[in-house]
């Protein structure tokens, strides 16, 4: 990707991704499209732990590392971590991918079921296929937005879903880098763009809609190489009419940059 300009929408790991692009000779154009806003209600967490002691969850699903760490920080502050660990020891603990796995291991939580690559809701539901859920309580650590696909599938099998919100996604407060990205796309100065979260796509197009630039954005994105981290991000792009140029396996930053480098070097 030497001398190619690669737009990066990632926020939290944006600098890391920019460094990976730079090491391969690319020019990173960092335009964060997502902000993670803490959304921890300590009173809710306290009440939840109390209720789970009386009516335990049969299954606990952890979807993200950020949310898992946030939950334990909340129980640490409340002095309820030992109670949470006791509850998890009696539940079927399910993880969506390597990040919640790593977060749980820092607390020595036993992991019973792990979703396979590419770590989407479909894989979570697949590993739960053999677990009877009729009448069961299922605690779901929410990521930055509700997951209606997961909730509806669990309820269809007779489960009672207990939602645990810990943070939410929104547009960054400073949207000037995203506007600059749209301008650069207009001038054909971008060779590729990396998408690492479906919410980045929704936020980028929401801003473009506000500015009356959604049609131009779609057209411009279809003129560059769009590298999507995985199927959830790819589905979001396709819903907005954007063609996905590549999707790495496994869905991680390293393979994403390697695949992008190979594609841009052809």
Foldseek 3Di string as FASTA:
>chain_A
DAAAEEEEQDDPCQVVLQVLCVVLRYHYQYQHFKDKAWDADLVVLVVVLVVCVVVNFQEEEEEALVLLLLSCVSCVVVVNNVSVLVSLQNHAYEYQDDNVVVNVVVVPRDHHYYFDPVRDLVSRVVRCVPPQAAAGEYEYRDDQDDDVVNVVVSVVSHHHYHYHYTIHMDGDPDRVSLVVVLVCLVVVRHAEYEAEDLSSLVSSLVVCVVVVNLVVVQVSLQVHAYQYLDDVNCVSCVVSVHHHRYYFPRSDSVRSSVVVSVVVVD
